[in-house]
């Protein structure tokens, strides 16, 4: 196990140390090389070392250098060394932080971090929060909470009674609304086409 993990660490470190000199977008040749991975499902698994070798030799050149200093696409921030190292350690812990008694260490870390975020944004201590996987789940969770609050004020229990017969909800969005929010509206049954769009002013 130690040799395998050290192998992965060496490859990851070499990848990061090369970011300053490599091109940001993968070359057409690197993209074409991905076809080598398109093989029939094997009857037997590969050796672990071979898996790392394939990932590094074929996939690493086909990545976008998002962790490097010359990537400016979207609003994605590259990780810094300590966040990557902490993520490695957390992956080794392999915890399911569904509730405190299942994983007290990671659950406590989440509680502290959420409290720090409240302090950072000057929010009242009675506020609560949660960590999600990305923009879609953030919008989905926020809209679900808003749907609950709005319908509760109207005397409707959406969790118990569903949306059939519920009072209609109007969602107001900007003209440049993020696609993940529109997708979340569909997943929550609020309707992607039932929004009211307000113009954006370019800022």
C-alpha atoms as a PDB file:
ATOM      1  CA  UNK A   1       0.000   0.000   0.000  1.00  0.00           C
ATOM      2  CA  UNK A   2       2.763   2.443   0.917  1.00  0.00           C
ATOM      3  CA  UNK A   3       4.497   2.024  -2.442  1.00  0.00           C
ATOM      4  CA  UNK A   4       1.233   2.572  -4.314  1.00  0.00           C
ATOM      5  CA  UNK A   5       0.378   5.753  -2.421  1.00  0.00           C
ATOM      6  CA  UNK A   6       3.915   7.084  -2.778  1.00  0.00           C
ATOM      7  CA  UNK A   7       3.731   6.323  -6.506  1.00  0.00           C
ATOM      8  CA  UNK A   8       0.540   8.385  -6.769  1.00  0.00           C
ATOM      9  CA  UNK A   9       2.117  11.207  -4.755  1.00  0.00           C
ATOM     10  CA  UNK A  10       5.209  11.288  -6.991  1.00  0.00           C
ATOM     11  CA  UNK A  11       3.091  11.470 -10.115  1.00  0.00           C
ATOM     12  CA  UNK A  12       0.852  14.177  -8.646  1.00  0.00           C
ATOM     13  CA  UNK A  13       3.829  16.272  -7.544  1.00  0.00           C
ATOM     14  CA  UNK A  14       5.466  15.955 -10.960  1.00  0.00           C
ATOM     15  CA  UNK A  15       2.201  17.021 -12.604  1.00  0.00           C
ATOM     16  CA  UNK A  16       1.920  20.125 -10.417  1.00  0.00           C
ATOM     17  CA  UNK A  17       5.567  21.088 -10.858  1.00  0.00           C
ATOM     18  CA  UNK A  18       5.097  21.005 -14.632  1.00  0.00           C
ATOM     19  CA  UNK A  19       2.060  23.308 -14.719  1.00  0.00           C
ATOM     20  CA  UNK A  20       4.050  26.507 -15.192  1.00  0.00           C
ATOM     21  CA  UNK A  21       5.679  25.254 -18.379  1.00  0.00           C
ATOM     22  CA  UNK A  22       2.947  23.181 -20.036  1.00  0.00           C
ATOM     23  CA  UNK A  23       0.165  24.581 -22.182  1.00  0.00           C
ATOM     24  CA  UNK A  24      -3.095  25.300 -20.381  1.00  0.00           C
ATOM     25  CA  UNK A  25      -5.358  23.422 -22.784  1.00  0.00           C
ATOM     26  CA  UNK A  26      -4.449  19.882 -23.812  1.00  0.00           C
ATOM     27  CA  UNK A  27      -3.035  19.394 -27.276  1.00  0.00           C
ATOM     28  CA  UNK A  28      -5.065  17.658 -30.003  1.00  0.00           C
ATOM     29  CA  UNK A  29      -2.610  14.773 -29.782  1.00  0.00           C
ATOM     30  CA  UNK A  30      -3.273  14.383 -26.053  1.00  0.00           C
ATOM     31  CA  UNK A  31      -7.020  14.361 -26.666  1.00  0.00           C
ATOM     32  CA  UNK A  32      -6.652  11.755 -29.402  1.00  0.00           C
ATOM     33  CA  UNK A  33      -4.578   9.590 -27.077  1.00  0.00           C
ATOM     34  CA  UNK A  34      -7.614   9.184 -24.795  1.00  0.00           C
ATOM     35  CA  UNK A  35      -8.980   6.681 -27.309  1.00  0.00           C
ATOM     36  CA  UNK A  36      -6.455   4.199 -25.939  1.00  0.00           C
ATOM     37  CA  UNK A  37      -8.615   3.931 -22.818  1.00  0.00           C
ATOM     38  CA  UNK A  38     -11.692   2.844 -24.774  1.00  0.00           C
ATOM     39  CA  UNK A  39     -11.274  -0.884 -24.268  1.00  0.00           C
ATOM     40  CA  UNK A  40     -13.808  -3.642 -23.570  1.00  0.00           C
ATOM     41  CA  UNK A  41     -14.557  -4.278 -19.916  1.00  0.00           C
ATOM     42  CA  UNK A  42     -11.764  -6.625 -18.779  1.00  0.00           C
ATOM     43  CA  UNK A  43     -12.545  -9.934 -17.120  1.00  0.00           C
ATOM     44  CA  UNK A  44      -9.836  -9.214 -14.570  1.00  0.00           C
ATOM     45  CA  UNK A  45      -8.846  -5.864 -13.126  1.00  0.00           C
ATOM     46  CA  UNK A  46      -5.532  -4.190 -13.867  1.00  0.00           C
ATOM     47  CA  UNK A  47      -2.735  -4.169 -11.352  1.00  0.00           C
ATOM     48  CA  UNK A  48      -2.960  -1.017  -9.187  1.00  0.00           C
ATOM     49  CA  UNK A  49       0.378   0.290 -10.479  1.00  0.00           C
ATOM     50  CA  UNK A  50      -0.845  -0.125 -14.057  1.00  0.00           C
ATOM     51  CA  UNK A  51      -3.968   1.909 -13.263  1.00  0.00           C
ATOM     52  CA  UNK A  52      -1.837   4.810 -12.026  1.00  0.00           C
ATOM     53  CA  UNK A  53       0.445   4.508 -15.030  1.00  0.00           C
ATOM     54  CA  UNK A  54      -2.464   4.651 -17.474  1.00  0.00           C
ATOM     55  CA  UNK A  55      -4.035   7.590 -15.677  1.00  0.00           C
ATOM     56  CA  UNK A  56      -0.789   9.527 -15.638  1.00  0.00           C
ATOM     57  CA  UNK A  57       0.465   8.732 -19.125  1.00  0.00           C
ATOM     58  CA  UNK A  58      -2.854   9.095 -20.944  1.00  0.00           C
ATOM     59  CA  UNK A  59      -5.104  11.290 -18.791  1.00  0.00           C
ATOM     60  CA  UNK A  60      -2.620  13.761 -17.293  1.00  0.00           C
ATOM     61  CA  UNK A  61      -1.648  15.270 -20.683  1.00  0.00           C
ATOM     62  CA  UNK A  62      -5.354  15.533 -21.580  1.00  0.00           C
ATOM     63  CA  UNK A  63      -6.253  17.634 -18.541  1.00  0.00           C
ATOM     64  CA  UNK A  64      -6.756  21.387 -18.512  1.00  0.00           C
ATOM     65  CA  UNK A  65      -4.226  23.098 -16.243  1.00  0.00           C
ATOM     66  CA  UNK A  66      -6.872  24.469 -13.879  1.00  0.00           C
ATOM     67  CA  UNK A  67      -4.502  24.313 -10.915  1.00  0.00           C
ATOM     68  CA  UNK A  68      -1.923  26.454 -12.701  1.00  0.00           C
ATOM     69  CA  UNK A  69      -1.431  30.234 -12.638  1.00  0.00           C
ATOM     70  CA  UNK A  70      -2.409  30.784 -16.289  1.00  0.00           C
ATOM     71  CA  UNK A  71      -5.927  29.343 -16.242  1.00  0.00           C
ATOM     72  CA  UNK A  72      -8.672  31.985 -16.242  1.00  0.00           C
ATOM     73  CA  UNK A  73     -11.709  30.028 -17.429  1.00  0.00           C
ATOM     74  CA  UNK A  74     -15.073  30.232 -15.707  1.00  0.00           C
ATOM     75  CA  UNK A  75     -14.822  31.040 -11.979  1.00  0.00           C
ATOM     76  CA  UNK A  76     -12.778  28.012 -10.982  1.00  0.00           C
ATOM     77  CA  UNK A  77      -9.981  28.619  -8.515  1.00  0.00           C
ATOM     78  CA  UNK A  78      -6.971  26.335  -8.481  1.00  0.00           C
ATOM     79  CA  UNK A  79      -6.243  24.538  -5.239  1.00  0.00           C
ATOM     80  CA  UNK A  80      -3.259  25.545  -3.132  1.00  0.00           C
ATOM     81  CA  UNK A  81      -0.844  22.923  -1.762  1.00  0.00           C
ATOM     82  CA  UNK A  82      -2.390  22.706   1.706  1.00  0.00           C
ATOM     83  CA  UNK A  83      -5.901  22.169   0.355  1.00  0.00           C
ATOM     84  CA  UNK A  84      -4.658  19.371  -1.882  1.00  0.00           C
ATOM     85  CA  UNK A  85      -2.670  17.795   0.952  1.00  0.00           C
ATOM     86  CA  UNK A  86      -5.635  18.035   3.329  1.00  0.00           C
ATOM     87  CA  UNK A  87      -7.865  16.476   0.679  1.00  0.00           C
ATOM     88  CA  UNK A  88      -5.428  13.561   0.368  1.00  0.00           C
ATOM     89  CA  UNK A  89      -5.531  13.036   4.123  1.00  0.00           C
ATOM     90  CA  UNK A  90      -9.328  13.293   4.206  1.00  0.00           C
ATOM     91  CA  UNK A  91      -9.501  10.730   1.410  1.00  0.00           C
ATOM     92  CA  UNK A  92      -7.385   8.363   3.497  1.00  0.00           C
ATOM     93  CA  UNK A  93      -9.772   8.844   6.428  1.00  0.00           C
ATOM     94  CA  UNK A  94     -12.637   7.761   4.128  1.00  0.00           C
ATOM     95  CA  UNK A  95     -15.310   9.081   6.477  1.00  0.00           C
ATOM     96  CA  UNK A  96     -19.059   9.240   5.932  1.00  0.00           C
ATOM     97  CA  UNK A  97     -19.978  12.457   7.723  1.00  0.00           C
ATOM     98  CA  UNK A  98     -23.708  11.835   7.565  1.00  0.00           C
ATOM     99  CA  UNK A  99     -24.014  12.615  11.277  1.00  0.00           C
ATOM    100  CA  UNK A 100     -21.771  13.255  14.261  1.00  0.00           C
ATOM    101  CA  UNK A 101     -21.618   9.769  15.780  1.00  0.00           C
ATOM    102  CA  UNK A 102     -20.661   8.171  12.464  1.00  0.00           C
ATOM    103  CA  UNK A 103     -17.649  10.445  11.940  1.00  0.00           C
ATOM    104  CA  UNK A 104     -17.068  12.825  14.867  1.00  0.00           C
ATOM    105  CA  UNK A 105     -13.761  14.211  13.586  1.00  0.00           C
ATOM    106  CA  UNK A 106     -14.950  15.346  10.166  1.00  0.00           C
ATOM    107  CA  UNK A 107     -18.383  16.347  11.459  1.00  0.00           C
ATOM    108  CA  UNK A 108     -16.735  18.627  14.004  1.00  0.00           C
ATOM    109  CA  UNK A 109     -14.508  20.139  11.320  1.00  0.00           C
ATOM    110  CA  UNK A 110     -17.611  20.957   9.282  1.00  0.00           C
ATOM    111  CA  UNK A 111     -19.284  22.608  12.281  1.00  0.00           C
ATOM    112  CA  UNK A 112     -16.252  24.794  12.932  1.00  0.00           C
ATOM    113  CA  UNK A 113     -15.882  25.756   9.280  1.00  0.00           C
ATOM    114  CA  UNK A 114     -19.551  26.679   9.004  1.00  0.00           C
ATOM    115  CA  UNK A 115     -19.231  28.860  12.101  1.00  0.00           C
ATOM    116  CA  UNK A 116     -16.214  30.579  10.569  1.00  0.00           C
ATOM    117  CA  UNK A 117     -18.225  31.274   7.411  1.00  0.00           C
ATOM    118  CA  UNK A 118     -20.969  32.884   9.480  1.00  0.00           C
ATOM    119  CA  UNK A 119     -18.347  35.113  11.080  1.00  0.00           C
ATOM    120  CA  UNK A 120     -16.743  35.895   7.732  1.00  0.00           C
ATOM    121  CA  UNK A 121     -20.026  37.048   6.202  1.00  0.00           C
ATOM    122  CA  UNK A 122     -21.306  38.703   9.410  1.00  0.00           C
ATOM    123  CA  UNK A 123     -24.347  36.430   9.590  1.00  0.00           C
ATOM    124  CA  UNK A 124     -26.295  35.762  12.798  1.00  0.00           C
ATOM    125  CA  UNK A 125     -25.211  32.779  14.844  1.00  0.00           C
ATOM    126  CA  UNK A 126     -28.670  31.233  14.565  1.00  0.00           C
ATOM    127  CA  UNK A 127     -28.098  30.654  10.839  1.00  0.00           C
ATOM    128  CA  UNK A 128     -27.267  27.130   9.699  1.00  0.00           C
ATOM    129  CA  UNK A 129     -25.504  25.797   6.640  1.00  0.00           C
ATOM    130  CA  UNK A 130     -24.245  22.742   4.821  1.00  0.00           C
ATOM    131  CA  UNK A 131     -21.522  21.825   2.368  1.00  0.00           C
ATOM    132  CA  UNK A 132     -22.584  20.693  -1.091  1.00  0.00           C
ATOM    133  CA  UNK A 133     -20.790  19.349  -4.131  1.00  0.00           C
ATOM    134  CA  UNK A 134     -21.062  22.372  -6.415  1.00  0.00           C
ATOM    135  CA  UNK A 135     -23.224  25.038  -8.029  1.00  0.00           C
ATOM    136  CA  UNK A 136     -26.108  22.770  -9.008  1.00  0.00           C
ATOM    137  CA  UNK A 137     -26.531  21.279  -5.541  1.00  0.00           C
ATOM    138  CA  UNK A 138     -26.091  24.711  -3.954  1.00  0.00           C
ATOM    139  CA  UNK A 139     -28.907  26.144  -6.064  1.00  0.00           C
ATOM    140  CA  UNK A 140     -31.024  23.021  -5.594  1.00  0.00           C
ATOM    141  CA  UNK A 141     -30.648  23.128  -1.806  1.00  0.00           C
ATOM    142  CA  UNK A 142     -31.338  26.861  -1.602  1.00  0.00           C
ATOM    143  CA  UNK A 143     -34.400  26.652  -3.836  1.00  0.00           C
ATOM    144  CA  UNK A 144     -35.723  23.671  -1.868  1.00  0.00           C
ATOM    145  CA  UNK A 145     -35.406  25.667   1.352  1.00  0.00           C
ATOM    146  CA  UNK A 146     -37.105  28.667  -0.271  1.00  0.00           C
ATOM    147  CA  UNK A 147     -39.884  26.458  -1.658  1.00  0.00           C
ATOM    148  CA  UNK A 148     -40.486  25.047   1.822  1.00  0.00           C
ATOM    149  CA  UNK A 149     -40.594  28.507   3.432  1.00  0.00           C
ATOM    150  CA  UNK A 150     -42.873  30.095   0.811  1.00  0.00           C
ATOM    151  CA  UNK A 151     -45.376  27.244   0.801  1.00  0.00           C
ATOM    152  CA  UNK A 152     -45.330  26.997   4.593  1.00  0.00           C
ATOM    153  CA  UNK A 153     -46.372  30.649   4.741  1.00  0.00           C
ATOM    154  CA  UNK A 154     -49.224  29.760   2.383  1.00  0.00           C
ATOM    155  CA  UNK A 155     -50.307  26.925   4.680  1.00  0.00           C
ATOM    156  CA  UNK A 156     -48.989  24.120   2.478  1.00  0.00           C
ATOM    157  CA  UNK A 157     -46.693  21.298   3.626  1.00  0.00           C
ATOM    158  CA  UNK A 158     -44.803  20.466   0.455  1.00  0.00           C
ATOM    159  CA  UNK A 159     -42.789  17.647   2.023  1.00  0.00           C
ATOM    160  CA  UNK A 160     -45.965  15.852   3.135  1.00  0.00           C
ATOM    161  CA  UNK A 161     -48.405  16.791   0.373  1.00  0.00           C
ATOM    162  CA  UNK A 162     -46.159  17.320  -2.643  1.00  0.00           C
ATOM    163  CA  UNK A 163     -46.726  19.945  -5.317  1.00  0.00           C
ATOM    164  CA  UNK A 164     -50.027  18.667  -6.739  1.00  0.00           C
ATOM    165  CA  UNK A 165     -52.575  21.326  -5.839  1.00  0.00           C
ATOM    166  CA  UNK A 166     -49.990  23.529  -4.142  1.00  0.00           C
ATOM    167  CA  UNK A 167     -50.189  27.314  -4.541  1.00  0.00           C
ATOM    168  CA  UNK A 168     -48.130  28.409  -7.576  1.00  0.00           C
ATOM    169  CA  UNK A 169     -44.710  29.897  -6.927  1.00  0.00           C
ATOM    170  CA  UNK A 170     -43.229  32.631  -9.089  1.00  0.00           C
ATOM    171  CA  UNK A 171     -39.439  32.580  -9.301  1.00  0.00           C
ATOM    172  CA  UNK A 172     -37.730  35.802 -10.389  1.00  0.00           C
ATOM    173  CA  UNK A 173     -34.320  35.421 -12.032  1.00  0.00           C
ATOM    174  CA  UNK A 174     -31.877  37.659 -13.829  1.00  0.00           C
ATOM    175  CA  UNK A 175     -31.519  37.551 -17.598  1.00  0.00           C
ATOM    176  CA  UNK A 176     -28.091  35.943 -17.177  1.00  0.00           C
ATOM    177  CA  UNK A 177     -29.269  33.294 -14.718  1.00  0.00           C
ATOM    178  CA  UNK A 178     -26.851  30.401 -14.247  1.00  0.00           C
ATOM    179  CA  UNK A 179     -27.926  27.202 -16.051  1.00  0.00           C
ATOM    180  CA  UNK A 180     -27.557  25.196 -12.839  1.00  0.00           C
ATOM    181  CA  UNK A 181     -30.347  27.237 -11.256  1.00  0.00           C
ATOM    182  CA  UNK A 182     -32.645  26.600 -14.210  1.00  0.00           C
ATOM    183  CA  UNK A 183     -31.858  22.893 -13.984  1.00  0.00           C
ATOM    184  CA  UNK A 184     -32.630  22.946 -10.266  1.00  0.00           C
ATOM    185  CA  UNK A 185     -36.027  24.522 -10.930  1.00  0.00           C
ATOM    186  CA  UNK A 186     -36.884  21.561 -13.133  1.00  0.00           C
ATOM    187  CA  UNK A 187     -35.658  19.011 -10.598  1.00  0.00           C
ATOM    188  CA  UNK A 188     -37.719  20.611  -7.821  1.00  0.00           C
ATOM    189  CA  UNK A 189     -40.915  20.691  -9.858  1.00  0.00           C
ATOM    190  CA  UNK A 190     -41.012  24.497  -9.905  1.00  0.00           C
ATOM    191  CA  UNK A 191     -40.752  24.582 -13.685  1.00  0.00           C
ATOM    192  CA  UNK A 192     -37.989  25.957 -15.874  1.00  0.00           C
ATOM    193  CA  UNK A 193     -40.422  28.008 -17.976  1.00  0.00           C
ATOM    194  CA  UNK A 194     -42.360  29.540 -15.070  1.00  0.00           C
ATOM    195  CA  UNK A 195     -39.684  32.089 -14.215  1.00  0.00           C
ATOM    196  CA  UNK A 196     -39.919  35.845 -14.561  1.00  0.00           C
ATOM    197  CA  UNK A 197     -36.715  37.256 -16.013  1.00  0.00           C
ATOM    198  CA  UNK A 198     -35.487  40.728 -15.181  1.00  0.00           C
ATOM    199  CA  UNK A 199     -32.896  42.451 -17.385  1.00  0.00           C
ATOM    200  CA  UNK A 200     -29.218  42.463 -16.464  1.00  0.00           C
ATOM    201  CA  UNK A 201     -27.326  45.757 -16.509  1.00  0.00           C
ATOM    202  CA  UNK A 202     -23.944  44.432 -17.591  1.00  0.00           C
ATOM    203  CA  UNK A 203     -22.348  44.625 -14.151  1.00  0.00           C
END
